[in-house]
Amino acid sequence: MNISDVPVEGLLEACYEHYGVDSPIAVIFARQSELIEKYHPIEVEVLGRTVPKRPFDLHDPVCQEALKARAWWFTEEIGEAFDALHEANQTKFLEEFSDALHFITELLIFAEVDPNRVHLSIMPKDWGVDMVEGVAGWEHVALKLRAFAIIGELAMGMWQLRNKPWKRSQVLTDIEHFQQRLVIAYSGFLALMIKHCNMDLEDIAVLYLRKSEVNRFRIRTHY
């Protein structure tokens, strides 16, 4: 099963009613919160260790490790999306971007970031994009440059989580700085999807919801 098997009609509207929200971003956060509750018992079973429960203590090394794992999973999905791009597989490209959105949304939820802080006007600068415009294939290069800028913002956010497993001295997290980097990365990723995938926020929410239905199916069938 993949996103092509999930019907689109009425999907977002049903979620507005079900979750009692009126914005695409709020729907994404609400659905991901549900998936967290389904997936975490599976993580415990597979990993053989306890996964931290919400709310996360952002100063705690165990919680920081879980946050960093999701940042890395987001990065991996971006890499998979680029692979699909090189294969000219548009369905797989969009599915991998949707997976990336799942992981970065979960990251913001664990980091206690309110979805109302996400705004499309907040995003990384387009370092280098103006230098490639007009060159053959520049759209793909521009996509990668923007994606790398987003990953850079995410990395600077993760750097605020300084309590490594091998360090005995503990450092308090600058929570505001940490959360702001995540907001920039998240907002930038949405802006990237709008610019390069010809989507608006509702389209992005529908893509996310279609993949979340695939994930629900996989949970039910012990994928």
Foldseek 3Di string as FASTA:
>chain_A
DALVPDDQPCLVVVLCVVVVHDFLLVSLLVLLVVVCVLCQVVVCVVVVHHQDDPQDDLQDQSLLVVLVVLLVLLVVLCVQLVVCVVVVNVRSNLLSLLSSLSSLSVSLVNLVHDSVLADLVQAFDQPPLVVQPPPVVSLSVSLVSLLVRLSVLLVVLSVQRPDHPPDPDTDGGPSVSNSSSSSRSSSSSQNSCCVNVVDDSVRSSSSNSSRSVVVVVCSVVVD
